Structures are given as structure tokens and as C-alpha cells.
């Protein structure tokens, strides 16, 4: 991943995807190259929100959330919930695209 980011130079590709097992390495890559970071957590929205908080605490704020839903129906449900929570400011850690 680091070699690929070095090749793109000053462009800002989306770095995909941090999860509970590798988020520290992906945070380092995102910070070193100034790239946005996708977070993928199929374990549910609570786990996704927890992982977002860990990543933000390490200094990365430019995030894209992937709830890791198993079907189109679940994906739509999760993305609508994430968006509504962010708009209503009920769940600030999900306030990313």
C-alpha cells in the first residue's frame, strides 16, 4: 500500500480500508501521505463508531465509512441510519460520508 501511495505523488486517493485489526497501520499511511481513509467494520454500527473514534484519536479526520453490510437491503438501512444520525447530531462519530 505504501508503495502505491508513493507512486501517486501529491494526489489524494482513498486509502481502503482500515479495520479493527489493521487500523493503526492504515492511520500511519493516511497521515504520512495526506490521504482520506476508508473504515470498514462489518461487525455492526456500534463497532464502526468505536473504530472511528480510535482513528480520530490518532489524528485522521478525513474518513469514509463502510458499514460492511452483507446485502443491498442492509447496506441501504445502515447508510440511511448513519446519515440521519449525523444530521441529527445524535451520533457524531458517524458524521462522515
N, C-alpha and C. Protein backbone atom coordinates (compact mmCIF):
# COMPACT_ATOMS: atom_id res chain seq x y z
N UNK A 1 0.83 -1.18 0.00
CA UNK A 1 0.00 0.00 0.00
C UNK A 1 0.88 1.25 0.00
N UNK A 2 1.92 1.26 0.81
CA UNK A 2 2.80 2.42 0.89
C UNK A 2 3.46 2.69 -0.46
N UNK A 3 3.86 1.65 -1.16
CA UNK A 3 4.49 1.82 -2.47
C UNK A 3 3.52 2.45 -3.46
N UNK A 4 2.27 2.02 -3.43
CA UNK A 4 1.26 2.60 -4.30
C UNK A 4 1.01 4.06 -4.00
N UNK A 5 0.96 4.41 -2.73
CA UNK A 5 0.75 5.81 -2.36
C UNK A 5 1.94 6.67 -2.76
N UNK A 6 3.13 6.11 -2.72
CA UNK A 6 4.32 6.86 -3.14
C UNK A 6 4.26 7.16 -4.64
N UNK A 7 3.71 6.26 -5.42
CA UNK A 7 3.63 6.44 -6.87
C UNK A 7 2.66 7.56 -7.25
N UNK A 8 1.56 7.71 -6.53
CA UNK A 8 0.56 8.71 -6.91
C UNK A 8 0.97 10.13 -6.55
N UNK A 9 2.05 10.28 -5.83
CA UNK A 9 2.57 11.61 -5.54
C UNK A 9 1.64 12.45 -4.70
N UNK A 10 1.31 13.65 -5.22
CA UNK A 10 0.51 14.59 -4.43
C UNK A 10 -1.00 14.41 -4.63
N UNK A 11 -1.41 13.40 -5.37
CA UNK A 11 -2.84 13.11 -5.49
C UNK A 11 -3.31 12.50 -4.18
N UNK A 12 -4.59 12.53 -3.94
CA UNK A 12 -5.13 12.08 -2.66
C UNK A 12 -6.11 10.92 -2.85
N UNK A 13 -5.62 9.73 -3.15
CA UNK A 13 -6.54 8.60 -3.32
C UNK A 13 -7.13 8.16 -1.99
N UNK A 14 -8.30 7.56 -2.07
CA UNK A 14 -8.92 7.00 -0.88
C UNK A 14 -8.18 5.73 -0.49
N UNK A 15 -7.68 5.68 0.72
CA UNK A 15 -6.97 4.52 1.23
C UNK A 15 -8.01 3.58 1.84
N UNK A 16 -8.11 2.37 1.27
CA UNK A 16 -9.18 1.45 1.67
C UNK A 16 -8.59 0.12 2.10
N UNK A 17 -8.87 -0.40 3.17
CA UNK A 17 -9.78 0.00 4.21
C UNK A 17 -9.20 -0.45 5.55
N UNK A 18 -9.31 0.46 6.48
CA UNK A 18 -8.90 0.16 7.85
C UNK A 18 -9.98 -0.66 8.53
N UNK A 19 -9.54 -1.58 9.38
CA UNK A 19 -10.49 -2.35 10.19
C UNK A 19 -9.89 -2.49 11.58
N UNK A 20 -10.55 -3.23 12.43
CA UNK A 20 -10.10 -3.35 13.83
C UNK A 20 -8.72 -3.97 13.95
N UNK A 21 -8.32 -4.78 12.98
CA UNK A 21 -7.03 -5.45 13.07
C UNK A 21 -5.87 -4.62 12.50
N UNK A 22 -6.16 -3.72 11.55
CA UNK A 22 -5.06 -3.03 10.87
C UNK A 22 -5.13 -1.51 10.92
N UNK A 23 -6.03 -0.95 11.70
CA UNK A 23 -6.27 0.49 11.63
C UNK A 23 -5.04 1.33 11.95
N UNK A 24 -4.18 0.87 12.84
CA UNK A 24 -3.01 1.68 13.19
C UNK A 24 -2.07 1.83 12.00
N UNK A 25 -1.86 0.78 11.23
CA UNK A 25 -1.02 0.86 10.04
C UNK A 25 -1.65 1.76 8.98
N UNK A 26 -2.96 1.65 8.81
CA UNK A 26 -3.64 2.49 7.82
C UNK A 26 -3.66 3.95 8.25
N UNK A 27 -3.78 4.21 9.53
CA UNK A 27 -3.72 5.59 10.02
C UNK A 27 -2.36 6.19 9.70
N UNK A 28 -1.30 5.43 9.93
CA UNK A 28 0.05 5.92 9.63
C UNK A 28 0.18 6.24 8.14
N UNK A 29 -0.33 5.38 7.28
CA UNK A 29 -0.28 5.64 5.84
C UNK A 29 -1.07 6.90 5.47
N UNK A 30 -2.27 7.01 6.00
CA UNK A 30 -3.12 8.17 5.68
C UNK A 30 -2.47 9.47 6.15
N UNK A 31 -1.88 9.45 7.32
CA UNK A 31 -1.23 10.66 7.84
C UNK A 31 0.03 11.00 7.04
N UNK A 32 0.84 10.01 6.73
CA UNK A 32 2.09 10.26 6.01
C UNK A 32 1.86 10.77 4.60
N UNK A 33 0.77 10.35 3.97
CA UNK A 33 0.52 10.72 2.58
C UNK A 33 -0.62 11.73 2.43
N UNK A 34 -1.25 12.13 3.53
CA UNK A 34 -2.32 13.11 3.48
C UNK A 34 -3.55 12.63 2.73
N UNK A 35 -3.83 11.34 2.82
CA UNK A 35 -4.95 10.74 2.08
C UNK A 35 -6.15 10.50 2.99
N UNK A 36 -7.35 10.54 2.41
CA UNK A 36 -8.52 10.13 3.19
C UNK A 36 -8.47 8.63 3.44
N UNK A 37 -9.17 8.21 4.47
CA UNK A 37 -9.12 6.81 4.90
C UNK A 37 -10.53 6.23 4.98
N UNK A 38 -10.72 5.08 4.36
CA UNK A 38 -11.99 4.35 4.49
C UNK A 38 -11.88 3.42 5.69
N UNK A 39 -12.97 3.33 6.42
CA UNK A 39 -13.04 2.42 7.57
C UNK A 39 -14.12 1.40 7.28
N UNK A 40 -13.75 0.13 7.36
CA UNK A 40 -14.66 -0.98 7.07
C UNK A 40 -14.83 -1.81 8.33
N UNK A 41 -16.07 -1.89 8.81
CA UNK A 41 -16.33 -2.67 10.03
C UNK A 41 -17.65 -3.40 9.87
N UNK A 42 -17.61 -4.66 9.45
CA UNK A 42 -18.85 -5.42 9.25
C UNK A 42 -19.49 -5.91 10.55
N UNK A 43 -18.91 -5.59 11.69
CA UNK A 43 -19.42 -6.08 12.96
C UNK A 43 -20.59 -5.29 13.53
N UNK A 44 -21.10 -4.32 12.80
CA UNK A 44 -22.22 -3.53 13.28
C UNK A 44 -21.84 -2.07 13.44
N UNK A 45 -22.86 -1.23 13.53
CA UNK A 45 -22.63 0.21 13.58
C UNK A 45 -21.97 0.65 14.89
N UNK A 46 -22.23 -0.05 15.98
CA UNK A 46 -21.57 0.30 17.24
C UNK A 46 -20.07 0.08 17.15
N UNK A 47 -19.68 -1.03 16.56
CA UNK A 47 -18.25 -1.30 16.38
C UNK A 47 -17.62 -0.33 15.40
N UNK A 48 -18.37 0.03 14.35
CA UNK A 48 -17.89 1.02 13.39
C UNK A 48 -17.65 2.35 14.09
N UNK A 49 -18.59 2.78 14.91
CA UNK A 49 -18.44 4.05 15.64
C UNK A 49 -17.25 4.00 16.59
N UNK A 50 -17.05 2.88 17.26
CA UNK A 50 -15.89 2.74 18.16
C UNK A 50 -14.58 2.85 17.38
N UNK A 51 -14.53 2.22 16.22
CA UNK A 51 -13.32 2.27 15.40
C UNK A 51 -13.07 3.68 14.87
N UNK A 52 -14.13 4.37 14.50
CA UNK A 52 -14.00 5.76 14.05
C UNK A 52 -13.37 6.61 15.16
N UNK A 53 -13.83 6.43 16.37
CA UNK A 53 -13.27 7.21 17.49
C UNK A 53 -11.79 6.90 17.70
N UNK A 54 -11.39 5.65 17.57
CA UNK A 54 -9.98 5.29 17.71
C UNK A 54 -9.14 5.94 16.62
N UNK A 55 -9.64 5.92 15.39
CA UNK A 55 -8.91 6.52 14.27
C UNK A 55 -8.81 8.03 14.44
N UNK A 56 -9.91 8.66 14.82
CA UNK A 56 -9.89 10.11 15.04
C UNK A 56 -8.94 10.49 16.16
N UNK A 57 -8.87 9.68 17.20
CA UNK A 57 -7.95 9.96 18.31
C UNK A 57 -6.50 9.91 17.86
N UNK A 58 -6.23 9.16 16.80
CA UNK A 58 -4.87 9.07 16.27
C UNK A 58 -4.57 10.17 15.25
N UNK A 59 -5.56 11.02 14.98
CA UNK A 59 -5.30 12.21 14.18
C UNK A 59 -5.79 12.21 12.74
N UNK A 60 -6.56 11.23 12.33
CA UNK A 60 -7.10 11.24 10.97
C UNK A 60 -8.57 11.65 11.05
N UNK A 61 -8.93 12.71 10.31
CA UNK A 61 -10.29 13.23 10.34
C UNK A 61 -11.02 13.07 9.01
N UNK A 62 -10.28 12.85 7.93
CA UNK A 62 -10.87 12.73 6.59
C UNK A 62 -11.22 11.26 6.36
N UNK A 63 -12.46 10.90 6.68
CA UNK A 63 -12.87 9.49 6.70
C UNK A 63 -14.06 9.22 5.79
N UNK A 64 -14.12 8.00 5.30
CA UNK A 64 -15.27 7.47 4.57
C UNK A 64 -15.65 6.17 5.28
N UNK A 65 -16.93 6.04 5.60
CA UNK A 65 -17.38 4.88 6.37
C UNK A 65 -17.99 3.80 5.48
N UNK A 66 -17.60 2.57 5.73
CA UNK A 66 -18.15 1.40 5.05
C UNK A 66 -18.67 0.47 6.13
N UNK A 67 -20.01 0.39 6.29
CA UNK A 67 -20.54 -0.44 7.36
C UNK A 67 -20.37 -1.94 7.12
N UNK A 68 -19.91 -2.33 5.94
CA UNK A 68 -19.66 -3.75 5.68
C UNK A 68 -20.92 -4.58 5.68
N UNK A 69 -22.01 -4.01 5.24
CA UNK A 69 -23.30 -4.70 5.23
C UNK A 69 -23.25 -5.88 4.27
N UNK A 70 -24.02 -6.93 4.59
CA UNK A 70 -23.96 -8.17 3.82
C UNK A 70 -24.90 -8.20 2.62
N UNK A 71 -25.84 -7.27 2.54
CA UNK A 71 -26.76 -7.25 1.40
C UNK A 71 -27.08 -5.80 1.04
N UNK A 72 -27.67 -5.61 -0.13
CA UNK A 72 -28.05 -4.28 -0.56
C UNK A 72 -29.07 -3.68 0.40
N UNK A 73 -30.01 -4.48 0.84
CA UNK A 73 -31.04 -4.02 1.79
C UNK A 73 -30.39 -3.54 3.09
N UNK A 74 -29.48 -4.34 3.64
CA UNK A 74 -28.80 -3.96 4.88
C UNK A 74 -27.91 -2.74 4.68
N UNK A 75 -27.28 -2.66 3.52
CA UNK A 75 -26.42 -1.52 3.22
C UNK A 75 -27.24 -0.23 3.19
N UNK A 76 -28.37 -0.25 2.51
CA UNK A 76 -29.23 0.93 2.45
C UNK A 76 -29.70 1.32 3.85
N UNK A 77 -30.14 0.34 4.63
CA UNK A 77 -30.59 0.60 6.00
C UNK A 77 -29.48 1.24 6.83
N UNK A 78 -28.28 0.66 6.78
CA UNK A 78 -27.17 1.16 7.58
C UNK A 78 -26.74 2.56 7.14
N UNK A 79 -26.67 2.78 5.83
CA UNK A 79 -26.24 4.10 5.34
C UNK A 79 -27.26 5.18 5.67
N UNK A 80 -28.55 4.85 5.59
CA UNK A 80 -29.59 5.81 5.98
C UNK A 80 -29.48 6.12 7.47
N UNK A 81 -29.27 5.10 8.29
CA UNK A 81 -29.12 5.32 9.73
C UNK A 81 -27.91 6.20 10.03
N UNK A 82 -26.80 5.91 9.37
CA UNK A 82 -25.58 6.70 9.56
C UNK A 82 -25.84 8.15 9.20
N UNK A 83 -26.45 8.38 8.05
CA UNK A 83 -26.70 9.76 7.59
C UNK A 83 -27.65 10.49 8.52
N UNK A 84 -28.73 9.85 8.91
CA UNK A 84 -29.70 10.50 9.81
C UNK A 84 -29.07 10.81 11.16
N UNK A 85 -28.29 9.89 11.67
CA UNK A 85 -27.62 10.11 12.96
C UNK A 85 -26.68 11.30 12.89
N UNK A 86 -25.99 11.43 11.78
CA UNK A 86 -25.06 12.55 11.61
C UNK A 86 -25.82 13.87 11.48
N UNK A 87 -26.88 13.87 10.70
CA UNK A 87 -27.64 15.11 10.50
C UNK A 87 -28.32 15.58 11.78
N UNK A 88 -28.82 14.64 12.56
CA UNK A 88 -29.50 14.99 13.80
C UNK A 88 -28.52 15.16 14.96
N UNK A 89 -27.24 14.93 14.68
CA UNK A 89 -26.17 15.08 15.67
C UNK A 89 -26.39 14.19 16.89
N UNK A 90 -26.98 13.03 16.65
CA UNK A 90 -27.18 12.07 17.73
C UNK A 90 -25.95 11.19 17.93
N UNK A 91 -25.27 10.94 16.84
CA UNK A 91 -24.15 10.00 16.87
C UNK A 91 -23.02 10.61 16.05
N UNK A 92 -22.29 11.54 16.65
CA UNK A 92 -21.30 12.34 15.93
C UNK A 92 -20.18 11.51 15.31
N UNK A 93 -19.86 10.39 15.87
CA UNK A 93 -18.76 9.60 15.31
C UNK A 93 -19.13 8.99 13.96
N UNK A 94 -20.40 9.02 13.59
CA UNK A 94 -20.81 8.53 12.28
C UNK A 94 -21.03 9.67 11.30
N UNK A 95 -20.57 10.85 11.60
CA UNK A 95 -20.79 12.02 10.77
C UNK A 95 -19.80 12.16 9.63
N UNK A 96 -19.58 11.10 8.88
CA UNK A 96 -18.68 11.11 7.74
C UNK A 96 -19.42 10.50 6.57
N UNK A 97 -18.99 10.82 5.33
CA UNK A 97 -19.70 10.24 4.17
C UNK A 97 -19.52 8.74 4.10
